[in-house]
Amino acid sequence: MSGDIVYADIKNVRVSPLEHSSSLLTPDSHHQGIFLKIGCTIIIILLVIIIIMLSIFVIQFKSARHTEVDKESEETFCYGKNKSETITSIVSSNSSTAHKSCPSTDWKLHGGKCYWVAKYKKSWIESKNDCVTKNSQLMVIRDFIDMSFLWLHLNCSDSYWIGLSIPANGKSWTWVDNNPFDPHLFSREEGTPQTRSMKCAQLSHTNIIRKKCEDNKQWICQL
């Protein structure tokens, strides 16, 4: 009797093959889940890295293109490449108001005016006298036509004597034709050390600079 009870108890507690199989598969399924999460994380990280690299590439490309455009614009401004239609039309509309031709091929006809650009250097007084011998005067900036000549025909790295100075016993800047200087038409360089001996004007592509009249520079005659 007692033997039957023991056998029955052992029989009742026997683990079925299905339950045993399930208990063996559980650890492997847990590991597979971990591997799946790790794989997804790696994929996400790679995608983020790719997006960042593409963003950097796009930014660098735009920056390089912007620099190239700026360089082209500077070349156009300094050397007259691809001249602006606006400047050309304004110059053309005024070309018949003054000289039809210039004294020689050394002179440049621009907007009805003639300009002669020196290839060597002299002091301001010597430059002024040289223009007089050519029946002209040192350049006087009167209007947009004069400034457009600078933009279109002169090298932006050079500077030239023009007909602007502070006369003896004078206090204000005056052109050689005795007209006063208009600061709204063309700016003068400020913020640099200046002395009383700096009474003559030198022209660059961006402004007018005070210089000693004894300095040797190229110059521009205007007719």
N, C-alpha and C. Protein backbone atom coordinates (compact mmCIF):
# COMPACT_ATOMS: atom_id res chain seq x y z
N MET A 1 0.83 -1.20 0.00
CA MET A 1 0.00 0.00 0.00
C MET A 1 0.86 1.24 0.00
N SER A 2 1.82 1.24 0.87
CA SER A 2 2.71 2.39 0.93
C SER A 2 3.54 2.49 -0.31
N GLY A 3 3.89 1.37 -0.93
CA GLY A 3 4.65 1.39 -2.17
C GLY A 3 3.88 2.00 -3.29
N ASP A 4 2.56 1.77 -3.35
CA ASP A 4 1.73 2.37 -4.40
C ASP A 4 1.69 3.86 -4.26
N ILE A 5 1.63 4.35 -3.03
CA ILE A 5 1.55 5.79 -2.80
C ILE A 5 2.82 6.46 -3.26
N VAL A 6 3.95 5.87 -2.96
CA VAL A 6 5.23 6.44 -3.36
C VAL A 6 5.34 6.48 -4.87
N TYR A 7 4.94 5.45 -5.55
CA TYR A 7 4.99 5.39 -7.00
C TYR A 7 4.09 6.43 -7.61
N ALA A 8 2.94 6.58 -7.02
CA ALA A 8 1.97 7.56 -7.55
C ALA A 8 2.52 8.96 -7.41
N ASP A 9 3.15 9.22 -6.27
CA ASP A 9 3.70 10.57 -6.06
C ASP A 9 4.79 10.86 -7.07
N ILE A 10 5.65 9.87 -7.32
CA ILE A 10 6.74 10.08 -8.28
C ILE A 10 6.20 10.27 -9.67
N LYS A 11 5.16 9.54 -10.00
CA LYS A 11 4.55 9.65 -11.32
C LYS A 11 3.91 10.99 -11.53
N ASN A 12 3.29 11.49 -10.45
CA ASN A 12 2.60 12.78 -10.56
C ASN A 12 3.55 13.95 -10.72
N VAL A 13 4.74 13.85 -10.18
CA VAL A 13 5.67 14.97 -10.23
C VAL A 13 6.61 14.87 -11.41
N ARG A 14 6.49 13.88 -12.25
CA ARG A 14 7.36 13.77 -13.41
C ARG A 14 7.17 14.97 -14.33
N VAL A 15 8.26 15.52 -14.76
CA VAL A 15 8.21 16.70 -15.64
C VAL A 15 7.97 16.24 -17.06
N SER A 16 7.03 16.89 -17.71
CA SER A 16 6.70 16.51 -19.09
C SER A 16 7.82 16.96 -20.02
N PRO A 17 8.04 16.31 -21.14
CA PRO A 17 9.10 16.70 -22.10
C PRO A 17 8.92 18.12 -22.61
N LEU A 18 7.66 18.59 -22.77
CA LEU A 18 7.41 19.94 -23.29
C LEU A 18 7.87 21.00 -22.32
N GLU A 19 7.55 20.78 -21.01
CA GLU A 19 7.97 21.74 -20.01
C GLU A 19 9.48 21.77 -19.90
N HIS A 20 10.10 20.60 -20.01
CA HIS A 20 11.55 20.55 -19.91
C HIS A 20 12.20 21.27 -21.09
N SER A 21 11.63 21.09 -22.26
CA SER A 21 12.16 21.75 -23.45
C SER A 21 12.02 23.26 -23.35
N SER A 22 10.88 23.74 -22.78
CA SER A 22 10.65 25.18 -22.65
C SER A 22 11.65 25.81 -21.71
N SER A 23 11.95 25.09 -20.64
CA SER A 23 12.88 25.64 -19.67
C SER A 23 14.29 25.73 -20.24
N LEU A 24 14.62 24.85 -21.20
CA LEU A 24 15.94 24.89 -21.81
C LEU A 24 16.05 26.01 -22.85
N LEU A 25 14.96 26.38 -23.52
CA LEU A 25 14.98 27.40 -24.57
C LEU A 25 14.97 28.82 -24.02
N THR A 26 14.54 29.03 -22.82
CA THR A 26 14.39 30.37 -22.26
C THR A 26 15.70 31.16 -22.22
N PRO A 27 16.82 30.61 -21.75
CA PRO A 27 18.09 31.37 -21.73
C PRO A 27 18.54 31.80 -23.12
N ASP A 28 18.40 30.92 -24.14
CA ASP A 28 18.81 31.28 -25.50
C ASP A 28 17.97 32.42 -26.04
N SER A 29 16.68 32.42 -25.79
CA SER A 29 15.80 33.49 -26.26
C SER A 29 16.20 34.81 -25.62
N HIS A 30 16.60 34.80 -24.35
CA HIS A 30 17.03 36.00 -23.64
C HIS A 30 18.29 36.57 -24.29
N HIS A 31 19.22 35.67 -24.63
CA HIS A 31 20.46 36.12 -25.28
C HIS A 31 20.18 36.70 -26.65
N GLN A 32 19.26 36.07 -27.39
CA GLN A 32 18.91 36.59 -28.72
C GLN A 32 18.32 37.99 -28.62
N GLY A 33 17.54 38.25 -27.59
CA GLY A 33 16.96 39.58 -27.40
C GLY A 33 18.03 40.62 -27.13
N ILE A 34 19.03 40.22 -26.32
CA ILE A 34 20.13 41.15 -26.04
C ILE A 34 20.91 41.47 -27.30
N PHE A 35 21.22 40.44 -28.09
CA PHE A 35 21.95 40.65 -29.34
C PHE A 35 21.18 41.54 -30.30
N LEU A 36 19.85 41.35 -30.35
CA LEU A 36 19.01 42.16 -31.23
C LEU A 36 19.04 43.63 -30.82
N LYS A 37 18.96 43.89 -29.52
CA LYS A 37 19.02 45.28 -29.04
C LYS A 37 20.37 45.91 -29.35
N ILE A 38 21.46 45.13 -29.13
CA ILE A 38 22.81 45.65 -29.42
C ILE A 38 22.94 45.97 -30.91
N GLY A 39 22.43 45.06 -31.76
CA GLY A 39 22.51 45.28 -33.20
C GLY A 39 21.75 46.54 -33.61
N CYS A 40 20.55 46.73 -33.07
CA CYS A 40 19.76 47.93 -33.39
C CYS A 40 20.48 49.20 -32.94
N THR A 41 21.09 49.13 -31.75
CA THR A 41 21.83 50.30 -31.24
C THR A 41 23.00 50.66 -32.15
N ILE A 42 23.73 49.64 -32.60
CA ILE A 42 24.86 49.89 -33.49
C ILE A 42 24.39 50.51 -34.80
N ILE A 43 23.29 50.00 -35.35
CA ILE A 43 22.75 50.54 -36.60
C ILE A 43 22.36 52.01 -36.44
N ILE A 44 21.71 52.32 -35.31
CA ILE A 44 21.30 53.71 -35.05
C ILE A 44 22.51 54.63 -34.95
N ILE A 45 23.56 54.15 -34.23
CA ILE A 45 24.78 54.96 -34.09
C ILE A 45 25.42 55.20 -35.44
N LEU A 46 25.47 54.16 -36.29
CA LEU A 46 26.04 54.31 -37.63
C LEU A 46 25.25 55.32 -38.46
N LEU A 47 23.93 55.25 -38.36
CA LEU A 47 23.09 56.20 -39.10
C LEU A 47 23.34 57.64 -38.65
N VAL A 48 23.48 57.83 -37.32
CA VAL A 48 23.76 59.17 -36.79
C VAL A 48 25.10 59.68 -37.30
N ILE A 49 26.12 58.80 -37.31
CA ILE A 49 27.44 59.19 -37.79
C ILE A 49 27.38 59.59 -39.27
N ILE A 50 26.65 58.79 -40.07
CA ILE A 50 26.52 59.10 -41.50
C ILE A 50 25.83 60.44 -41.71
N ILE A 51 24.77 60.72 -40.94
CA ILE A 51 24.05 61.99 -41.07
C ILE A 51 24.98 63.16 -40.71
N ILE A 52 25.75 63.00 -39.63
CA ILE A 52 26.68 64.07 -39.22
C ILE A 52 27.72 64.31 -40.29
N MET A 53 28.27 63.24 -40.88
CA MET A 53 29.29 63.38 -41.91
C MET A 53 28.71 64.06 -43.15
N LEU A 54 27.49 63.69 -43.52
CA LEU A 54 26.85 64.34 -44.67
C LEU A 54 26.61 65.82 -44.40
N SER A 55 26.21 66.15 -43.17
CA SER A 55 25.96 67.55 -42.82
C SER A 55 27.25 68.36 -42.92
N ILE A 56 28.35 67.78 -42.39
CA ILE A 56 29.65 68.47 -42.46
C ILE A 56 30.07 68.67 -43.91
N PHE A 57 29.86 67.66 -44.75
CA PHE A 57 30.22 67.76 -46.17
C PHE A 57 29.42 68.87 -46.85
N VAL A 58 28.11 68.94 -46.57
CA VAL A 58 27.27 69.98 -47.18
C VAL A 58 27.72 71.36 -46.73
N ILE A 59 28.02 71.52 -45.43
CA ILE A 59 28.46 72.82 -44.91
C ILE A 59 29.78 73.23 -45.56
N GLN A 60 30.73 72.30 -45.67
CA GLN A 60 32.02 72.62 -46.28
C GLN A 60 31.86 72.98 -47.75
N PHE A 61 30.96 72.28 -48.44
CA PHE A 61 30.72 72.57 -49.86
C PHE A 61 30.13 73.97 -50.03
N LYS A 62 29.15 74.32 -49.18
CA LYS A 62 28.56 75.66 -49.26
C LYS A 62 29.59 76.72 -48.93
N SER A 63 30.43 76.46 -47.93
CA SER A 63 31.46 77.44 -47.55
C SER A 63 32.46 77.64 -48.68
N ALA A 64 32.87 76.53 -49.31
CA ALA A 64 33.83 76.64 -50.43
C ALA A 64 33.22 77.38 -51.59
N ARG A 65 31.94 77.13 -51.86
CA ARG A 65 31.26 77.82 -52.96
C ARG A 65 31.12 79.30 -52.67
N HIS A 66 30.81 79.62 -51.40
CA HIS A 66 30.67 81.02 -51.02
C HIS A 66 32.00 81.76 -51.17
N THR A 67 33.10 81.10 -50.78
CA THR A 67 34.43 81.70 -50.93
C THR A 67 34.76 81.93 -52.40
N GLU A 68 34.39 80.97 -53.23
CA GLU A 68 34.67 81.10 -54.67
C GLU A 68 33.88 82.25 -55.26
N VAL A 69 32.61 82.40 -54.86
CA VAL A 69 31.79 83.50 -55.35
C VAL A 69 32.36 84.83 -54.91
N ASP A 70 32.81 84.90 -53.64
CA ASP A 70 33.40 86.14 -53.14
C ASP A 70 34.65 86.50 -53.92
N LYS A 71 35.46 85.48 -54.24
CA LYS A 71 36.69 85.74 -54.99
C LYS A 71 36.36 86.26 -56.38
N GLU A 72 35.35 85.65 -57.02
CA GLU A 72 34.95 86.10 -58.35
C GLU A 72 34.42 87.53 -58.30
N SER A 73 33.66 87.84 -57.23
CA SER A 73 33.12 89.19 -57.09
C SER A 73 34.24 90.20 -56.90
N GLU A 74 35.26 89.82 -56.11
CA GLU A 74 36.39 90.72 -55.88
C GLU A 74 37.14 90.97 -57.18
N GLU A 75 37.35 89.90 -57.97
CA GLU A 75 38.05 90.07 -59.24
C GLU A 75 37.24 90.96 -60.18
N THR A 76 35.92 90.78 -60.16
CA THR A 76 35.08 91.62 -61.01
C THR A 76 35.16 93.07 -60.60
N PHE A 77 35.16 93.31 -59.28
CA PHE A 77 35.21 94.68 -58.78
C PHE A 77 36.57 95.32 -59.05
N CYS A 78 37.66 94.58 -58.85
CA CYS A 78 38.99 95.15 -58.94
C CYS A 78 39.48 95.31 -60.37
N TYR A 79 39.18 94.35 -61.23
CA TYR A 79 39.80 94.34 -62.54
C TYR A 79 38.83 94.53 -63.70
N GLY A 80 37.55 94.72 -63.37
CA GLY A 80 36.61 95.00 -64.44
C GLY A 80 36.20 93.78 -65.24
N LYS A 81 36.40 92.55 -64.71
CA LYS A 81 35.98 91.36 -65.41
C LYS A 81 34.46 91.29 -65.36
N ASN A 82 33.85 90.91 -66.50
CA ASN A 82 32.40 90.82 -66.58
C ASN A 82 31.76 92.13 -66.11
N LYS A 83 32.07 93.21 -66.74
CA LYS A 83 31.64 94.54 -66.32
C LYS A 83 30.14 94.59 -66.11
N SER A 84 29.75 95.31 -65.08
CA SER A 84 28.34 95.45 -64.74
C SER A 84 27.59 96.17 -65.83
N GLU A 85 26.41 95.67 -66.17
CA GLU A 85 25.59 96.32 -67.19
C GLU A 85 25.13 97.69 -66.71
N THR A 86 24.95 97.82 -65.39
CA THR A 86 24.52 99.11 -64.85
C THR A 86 25.58 100.17 -65.07
N ILE A 87 26.85 99.84 -64.75
CA ILE A 87 27.94 100.79 -64.94
C ILE A 87 28.09 101.13 -66.41
N THR A 88 28.04 100.11 -67.26
CA THR A 88 28.22 100.32 -68.69
C THR A 88 27.14 101.24 -69.25
N SER A 89 25.90 101.01 -68.83
CA SER A 89 24.80 101.83 -69.35
C SER A 89 24.92 103.28 -68.90
N ILE A 90 25.34 103.50 -67.64
CA ILE A 90 25.48 104.87 -67.14
C ILE A 90 26.62 105.58 -67.85
N VAL A 91 27.75 104.87 -68.03
CA VAL A 91 28.89 105.46 -68.72
C VAL A 91 28.52 105.78 -70.16
N SER A 92 27.81 104.87 -70.82
CA SER A 92 27.44 105.09 -72.21
C SER A 92 26.51 106.28 -72.37
N SER A 93 25.61 106.46 -71.41
CA SER A 93 24.66 107.56 -71.50
C SER A 93 25.32 108.91 -71.34
N ASN A 94 26.53 108.93 -70.73
CA ASN A 94 27.24 110.19 -70.52
C ASN A 94 28.43 110.36 -71.47
N SER A 95 28.66 109.40 -72.34
CA SER A 95 29.85 109.41 -73.17
C SER A 95 29.85 110.54 -74.20
N SER A 96 28.71 111.07 -74.54
CA SER A 96 28.63 112.10 -75.56
C SER A 96 28.64 113.50 -74.98
N THR A 97 28.82 113.62 -73.65
CA THR A 97 28.74 114.93 -73.02
C THR A 97 30.07 115.65 -72.99
N ALA A 98 31.17 114.95 -73.31
CA ALA A 98 32.48 115.59 -73.25
C ALA A 98 33.29 115.23 -74.47
N HIS A 99 34.53 114.76 -74.26
CA HIS A 99 35.45 114.51 -75.36
C HIS A 99 35.01 113.30 -76.18
N LYS A 100 35.15 113.43 -77.48
CA LYS A 100 34.84 112.33 -78.38
C LYS A 100 36.05 111.44 -78.59
N SER A 101 37.24 112.00 -78.44
CA SER A 101 38.48 111.24 -78.61
C SER A 101 39.54 111.79 -77.68
N CYS A 102 40.58 111.02 -77.47
CA CYS A 102 41.67 111.42 -76.57
C CYS A 102 42.91 111.77 -77.39
N PRO A 103 43.85 112.52 -76.80
CA PRO A 103 45.04 112.98 -77.53
C PRO A 103 45.86 111.87 -78.17
N SER A 104 45.96 110.72 -77.51
CA SER A 104 46.77 109.62 -78.06
C SER A 104 46.29 108.30 -77.47
N THR A 105 46.89 107.23 -77.93
CA THR A 105 46.49 105.90 -77.45
C THR A 105 46.91 105.66 -76.00
N ASP A 106 47.76 106.54 -75.46
CA ASP A 106 48.16 106.40 -74.06
C ASP A 106 47.02 106.79 -73.11
N TRP A 107 46.07 107.51 -73.64
CA TRP A 107 44.92 107.96 -72.85
C TRP A 107 43.78 106.95 -72.97
N LYS A 108 43.01 106.84 -71.89
CA LYS A 108 41.85 105.94 -71.88
C LYS A 108 40.58 106.77 -71.92
N LEU A 109 39.73 106.49 -72.91
CA LEU A 109 38.45 107.17 -73.01
C LEU A 109 37.42 106.42 -72.18
N HIS A 110 36.78 107.13 -71.27
CA HIS A 110 35.81 106.49 -70.39
C HIS A 110 34.72 107.49 -70.03
N GLY A 111 33.50 107.20 -70.45
CA GLY A 111 32.38 108.07 -70.10
C GLY A 111 32.50 109.48 -70.63
N GLY A 112 33.14 109.64 -71.79
CA GLY A 112 33.29 110.97 -72.35
C GLY A 112 34.46 111.74 -71.79
N LYS A 113 35.27 111.12 -70.93
CA LYS A 113 36.45 111.77 -70.36
C LYS A 113 37.69 110.97 -70.70
N CYS A 114 38.83 111.65 -70.70
CA CYS A 114 40.10 110.99 -71.01
C CYS A 114 40.96 110.91 -69.75
N TYR A 115 41.56 109.77 -69.53
CA TYR A 115 42.40 109.54 -68.36
C TYR A 115 43.76 109.00 -68.81
N TRP A 116 44.79 109.52 -68.18
CA TRP A 116 46.14 109.04 -68.45
C TRP A 116 46.74 108.55 -67.13
N VAL A 117 47.18 107.29 -67.12
CA VAL A 117 47.70 106.66 -65.90
C VAL A 117 49.21 106.49 -66.02
N ALA A 118 49.96 107.09 -65.11
CA ALA A 118 51.42 107.02 -65.15
C ALA A 118 51.91 105.61 -64.81
N LYS A 119 52.99 105.20 -65.46
CA LYS A 119 53.57 103.90 -65.18
C LYS A 119 54.81 104.02 -64.30
N TYR A 120 55.23 105.23 -64.02
CA TYR A 120 56.37 105.46 -63.13
C TYR A 120 55.92 106.37 -61.99
N LYS A 121 56.81 106.75 -61.11
CA LYS A 121 56.42 107.44 -59.88
C LYS A 121 57.12 108.80 -59.75
N LYS A 122 56.36 109.75 -59.20
CA LYS A 122 56.91 111.08 -58.91
C LYS A 122 56.23 111.62 -57.65
N SER A 123 56.71 112.76 -57.18
CA SER A 123 56.06 113.43 -56.04
C SER A 123 54.74 114.03 -56.51
N TRP A 124 53.96 114.52 -55.55
CA TRP A 124 52.65 115.09 -55.92
C TRP A 124 52.83 116.33 -56.79
N ILE A 125 53.74 117.22 -56.43
CA ILE A 125 53.96 118.44 -57.20
C ILE A 125 54.44 118.11 -58.61
N GLU A 126 55.39 117.18 -58.72
CA GLU A 126 55.89 116.78 -60.04
C GLU A 126 54.78 116.14 -60.87
N SER A 127 53.92 115.37 -60.22
CA SER A 127 52.81 114.75 -60.93
C SER A 127 51.82 115.80 -61.44
N LYS A 128 51.55 116.78 -60.60
CA LYS A 128 50.65 117.88 -60.99
C LYS A 128 51.22 118.62 -62.19
N ASN A 129 52.51 118.94 -62.15
CA ASN A 129 53.14 119.67 -63.25
C ASN A 129 53.15 118.85 -64.53
N ASP A 130 53.33 117.54 -64.40
CA ASP A 130 53.33 116.68 -65.58
C ASP A 130 51.97 116.72 -66.27
N CYS A 131 50.90 116.71 -65.47
CA CYS A 131 49.56 116.78 -66.05
C CYS A 131 49.36 118.12 -66.78
N VAL A 132 49.91 119.18 -66.20
CA VAL A 132 49.79 120.51 -66.83
C VAL A 132 50.46 120.51 -68.20
N THR A 133 51.62 119.86 -68.30
CA THR A 133 52.30 119.78 -69.60
C THR A 133 51.49 119.00 -70.62
N LYS A 134 50.58 118.18 -70.17
CA LYS A 134 49.71 117.41 -71.05
C LYS A 134 48.37 118.12 -71.27
N ASN A 135 48.32 119.41 -70.89
CA ASN A 135 47.09 120.20 -71.01
C ASN A 135 45.92 119.55 -70.27
N SER A 136 46.23 118.99 -69.11
CA SER A 136 45.22 118.33 -68.28
C SER A 136 45.47 118.67 -66.82
N GLN A 137 44.86 117.94 -65.94
CA GLN A 137 45.05 118.15 -64.51
C GLN A 137 45.06 116.81 -63.79
N LEU A 138 45.60 116.81 -62.59
CA LEU A 138 45.49 115.61 -61.77
C LEU A 138 44.01 115.27 -61.59
N MET A 139 43.72 114.01 -61.52
CA MET A 139 42.33 113.54 -61.50
C MET A 139 41.51 114.19 -60.40
N VAL A 140 40.33 114.65 -60.78
CA VAL A 140 39.36 115.21 -59.84
C VAL A 140 38.13 114.31 -59.86
N ILE A 141 37.74 113.80 -58.70
CA ILE A 141 36.58 112.91 -58.63
C ILE A 141 35.34 113.76 -58.47
N ARG A 142 34.60 113.87 -59.55
CA ARG A 142 33.41 114.72 -59.54
C ARG A 142 32.11 113.91 -59.43
N ASP A 143 32.11 112.73 -60.02
CA ASP A 143 30.85 111.98 -60.11
C ASP A 143 31.10 110.48 -60.22
N PHE A 144 30.04 109.76 -60.51
CA PHE A 144 30.10 108.31 -60.62
C PHE A 144 30.97 107.86 -61.78
N ILE A 145 31.02 108.65 -62.84
CA ILE A 145 31.84 108.30 -64.00
C ILE A 145 33.30 108.15 -63.61
N ASP A 146 33.79 109.12 -62.82
CA ASP A 146 35.19 109.06 -62.38
C ASP A 146 35.45 107.83 -61.52
N MET A 147 34.55 107.53 -60.61
CA MET A 147 34.73 106.37 -59.74
C MET A 147 34.64 105.07 -60.52
N SER A 148 33.76 105.01 -61.51
CA SER A 148 33.63 103.78 -62.30
C SER A 148 34.90 103.51 -63.11
N PHE A 149 35.61 104.58 -63.49
CA PHE A 149 36.89 104.39 -64.18
C PHE A 149 37.88 103.66 -63.26
N LEU A 150 37.88 104.04 -62.00
CA LEU A 150 38.76 103.38 -61.03
C LEU A 150 38.40 101.92 -60.90
N TRP A 151 37.12 101.62 -60.78
CA TRP A 151 36.67 100.25 -60.56
C TRP A 151 36.95 99.34 -61.75
N LEU A 152 36.85 99.91 -62.94
CA LEU A 152 36.91 99.08 -64.14
C LEU A 152 38.29 99.01 -64.78
N HIS A 153 39.15 99.97 -64.54
CA HIS A 153 40.40 100.04 -65.29
C HIS A 153 41.67 99.97 -64.45
N LEU A 154 41.58 100.10 -63.15
CA LEU A 154 42.80 100.14 -62.33
C LEU A 154 42.93 98.90 -61.46
N ASN A 155 44.16 98.51 -61.23
CA ASN A 155 44.45 97.38 -60.35
C ASN A 155 44.17 97.78 -58.91
N CYS A 156 43.41 96.96 -58.19
CA CYS A 156 42.99 97.33 -56.83
C CYS A 156 44.14 97.33 -55.83
N SER A 157 45.30 96.79 -56.20
CA SER A 157 46.43 96.78 -55.27
C SER A 157 47.31 98.03 -55.39
N ASP A 158 47.04 98.87 -56.39
CA ASP A 158 47.85 100.07 -56.60
C ASP A 158 47.18 101.30 -56.01
N SER A 159 47.96 102.38 -55.89
CA SER A 159 47.43 103.66 -55.42
C SER A 159 48.05 104.77 -56.25
N TYR A 160 47.35 105.91 -56.36
CA TYR A 160 47.75 106.96 -57.29
C TYR A 160 47.54 108.35 -56.67
N TRP A 161 48.41 109.28 -57.09
CA TRP A 161 48.19 110.67 -56.73
C TRP A 161 46.98 111.19 -57.51
N ILE A 162 46.15 111.99 -56.83
CA ILE A 162 45.03 112.66 -57.50
C ILE A 162 45.10 114.14 -57.15
N GLY A 163 44.25 114.94 -57.78
CA GLY A 163 44.32 116.39 -57.61
C GLY A 163 43.63 116.90 -56.36
N LEU A 164 43.96 116.33 -55.22
CA LEU A 164 43.37 116.74 -53.95
C LEU A 164 44.49 117.00 -52.94
N SER A 165 44.43 118.16 -52.30
CA SER A 165 45.48 118.51 -51.34
C SER A 165 44.97 119.59 -50.40
N ILE A 166 45.76 119.88 -49.38
CA ILE A 166 45.50 121.01 -48.50
C ILE A 166 46.45 122.13 -48.92
N PRO A 167 45.95 123.19 -49.53
CA PRO A 167 46.83 124.26 -50.04
C PRO A 167 47.63 124.92 -48.93
N ALA A 168 48.70 125.59 -49.31
CA ALA A 168 49.52 126.31 -48.33
C ALA A 168 48.65 127.31 -47.58
N ASN A 169 48.81 127.36 -46.27
CA ASN A 169 48.02 128.23 -45.39
C ASN A 169 46.53 127.88 -45.41
N GLY A 170 46.21 126.70 -45.91
CA GLY A 170 44.82 126.27 -45.92
C GLY A 170 44.56 125.20 -44.86
N LYS A 171 43.28 124.96 -44.56
CA LYS A 171 42.92 123.99 -43.53
C LYS A 171 42.04 122.86 -44.07
N SER A 172 41.42 123.11 -45.20
CA SER A 172 40.48 122.11 -45.74
C SER A 172 41.00 121.54 -47.05
N TRP A 173 40.56 120.32 -47.34
CA TRP A 173 40.96 119.64 -48.57
C TRP A 173 40.30 120.30 -49.77
N THR A 174 41.10 120.55 -50.82
CA THR A 174 40.60 121.25 -51.99
C THR A 174 41.13 120.58 -53.26
N TRP A 175 40.27 120.47 -54.27
CA TRP A 175 40.69 119.91 -55.55
C TRP A 175 41.50 120.95 -56.33
N VAL A 176 42.26 120.49 -57.32
CA VAL A 176 43.09 121.40 -58.11
C VAL A 176 42.26 122.38 -58.93
N ASP A 177 40.97 122.08 -59.11
CA ASP A 177 40.10 123.03 -59.81
C ASP A 177 39.43 123.99 -58.82
N ASN A 178 39.94 124.00 -57.58
CA ASN A 178 39.49 124.90 -56.50
C ASN A 178 38.13 124.55 -55.92
N ASN A 179 37.58 123.41 -56.27
CA ASN A 179 36.33 122.97 -55.66
C ASN A 179 36.62 122.23 -54.35
N PRO A 180 35.73 122.38 -53.36
CA PRO A 180 35.96 121.70 -52.07
C PRO A 180 35.72 120.20 -52.19
N PHE A 181 36.33 119.47 -51.29
CA PHE A 181 36.19 118.02 -51.27
C PHE A 181 34.84 117.64 -50.65
N ASP A 182 34.13 116.72 -51.31
CA ASP A 182 32.84 116.24 -50.82
C ASP A 182 33.04 114.86 -50.18
N PRO A 183 33.01 114.76 -48.86
CA PRO A 183 33.27 113.47 -48.19
C PRO A 183 32.20 112.43 -48.47
N HIS A 184 31.03 112.86 -48.94
CA HIS A 184 29.97 111.90 -49.24
C HIS A 184 30.19 111.18 -50.56
N LEU A 185 31.01 111.76 -51.41
CA LEU A 185 31.27 111.14 -52.71
C LEU A 185 32.31 110.04 -52.61
N PHE A 186 33.33 110.29 -51.80
CA PHE A 186 34.41 109.31 -51.65
C PHE A 186 35.00 109.50 -50.26
N SER A 187 35.16 108.42 -49.52
CA SER A 187 35.62 108.52 -48.14
C SER A 187 37.13 108.71 -48.05
N ARG A 188 37.57 109.34 -46.96
CA ARG A 188 38.98 109.46 -46.66
C ARG A 188 39.33 108.48 -45.56
N GLU A 189 40.53 107.94 -45.61
CA GLU A 189 40.96 106.96 -44.60
C GLU A 189 41.14 107.63 -43.25
N GLU A 190 40.53 107.03 -42.24
CA GLU A 190 40.65 107.55 -40.88
C GLU A 190 41.30 106.49 -39.99
N GLY A 191 41.73 106.92 -38.81
CA GLY A 191 42.24 105.97 -37.83
C GLY A 191 43.70 105.63 -37.97
N THR A 192 44.40 106.18 -38.97
CA THR A 192 45.83 105.93 -39.11
C THR A 192 46.60 107.14 -38.61
N PRO A 193 47.83 106.96 -38.13
CA PRO A 193 48.62 108.10 -37.66
C PRO A 193 48.80 109.14 -38.75
N GLN A 194 48.51 110.40 -38.44
CA GLN A 194 48.60 111.46 -39.43
C GLN A 194 49.40 112.62 -38.86
N THR A 195 50.10 113.31 -39.75
CA THR A 195 50.89 114.47 -39.33
C THR A 195 50.52 115.66 -40.20
N ARG A 196 51.01 116.82 -39.81
CA ARG A 196 50.71 118.04 -40.55
C ARG A 196 51.34 118.03 -41.94
N SER A 197 52.38 117.21 -42.10
CA SER A 197 53.05 117.16 -43.40
C SER A 197 52.26 116.35 -44.44
N MET A 198 51.25 115.61 -43.98
CA MET A 198 50.44 114.81 -44.90
C MET A 198 49.35 115.69 -45.50
N LYS A 199 49.68 116.38 -46.58
CA LYS A 199 48.75 117.35 -47.15
C LYS A 199 48.36 117.02 -48.60
N CYS A 200 48.75 115.84 -49.06
CA CYS A 200 48.38 115.44 -50.42
C CYS A 200 47.62 114.11 -50.38
N ALA A 201 46.75 113.91 -51.36
CA ALA A 201 45.85 112.75 -51.35
C ALA A 201 46.28 111.68 -52.34
N GLN A 202 46.30 110.49 -51.84
CA GLN A 202 46.60 109.32 -52.66
C GLN A 202 45.34 108.46 -52.74
N LEU A 203 45.01 107.98 -53.92
CA LEU A 203 43.76 107.26 -54.15
C LEU A 203 44.00 105.77 -54.26
N SER A 204 43.23 104.99 -53.49
CA SER A 204 43.23 103.54 -53.63
C SER A 204 41.85 103.14 -54.15
N HIS A 205 41.61 101.84 -54.21
CA HIS A 205 40.32 101.38 -54.74
C HIS A 205 39.18 101.61 -53.76
N THR A 206 39.49 101.80 -52.50
CA THR A 206 38.43 101.90 -51.50
C THR A 206 38.32 103.27 -50.85
N ASN A 207 39.40 104.04 -50.81
CA ASN A 207 39.34 105.33 -50.14
C ASN A 207 40.46 106.26 -50.56
N ILE A 208 40.47 107.43 -49.96
CA ILE A 208 41.51 108.42 -50.19
C ILE A 208 42.39 108.49 -48.95
N ILE A 209 43.71 108.43 -49.15
CA ILE A 209 44.64 108.34 -48.04
C ILE A 209 45.52 109.59 -48.01
N ARG A 210 45.72 110.13 -46.82
CA ARG A 210 46.62 111.27 -46.65
C ARG A 210 48.07 110.81 -46.71
N LYS A 211 48.88 111.52 -47.51
CA LYS A 211 50.29 111.16 -47.64
C LYS A 211 51.15 112.43 -47.70
N LYS A 212 52.43 112.24 -47.47
CA LYS A 212 53.37 113.35 -47.63
C LYS A 212 53.52 113.66 -49.12
N CYS A 213 53.47 114.92 -49.46
CA CYS A 213 53.54 115.32 -50.86
C CYS A 213 54.86 114.93 -51.51
N GLU A 214 55.90 114.72 -50.69
CA GLU A 214 57.21 114.37 -51.23
C GLU A 214 57.32 112.90 -51.61
N ASP A 215 56.37 112.08 -51.18
CA ASP A 215 56.41 110.65 -51.52
C ASP A 215 56.27 110.47 -53.03
N ASN A 216 56.89 109.43 -53.52
CA ASN A 216 56.80 109.13 -54.96
C ASN A 216 55.72 108.08 -55.22
N LYS A 217 54.78 108.44 -56.08
CA LYS A 217 53.67 107.54 -56.41
C LYS A 217 53.32 107.69 -57.89
N GLN A 218 52.60 106.73 -58.41
CA GLN A 218 52.01 106.89 -59.73
C GLN A 218 50.90 107.93 -59.63
N TRP A 219 50.44 108.43 -60.76
CA TRP A 219 49.39 109.44 -60.73
C TRP A 219 48.47 109.30 -61.93
N ILE A 220 47.35 110.02 -61.88
CA ILE A 220 46.35 109.96 -62.95
C ILE A 220 46.04 111.39 -63.42
N CYS A 221 46.24 111.62 -64.71
CA CYS A 221 45.84 112.89 -65.31
C CYS A 221 44.46 112.74 -65.92
N GLN A 222 43.73 113.83 -65.94
CA GLN A 222 42.34 113.81 -66.45
C GLN A 222 42.13 114.95 -67.42
N LEU A 223 41.46 114.63 -68.49
CA LEU A 223 41.20 115.64 -69.50
C LEU A 223 39.72 115.63 -69.90
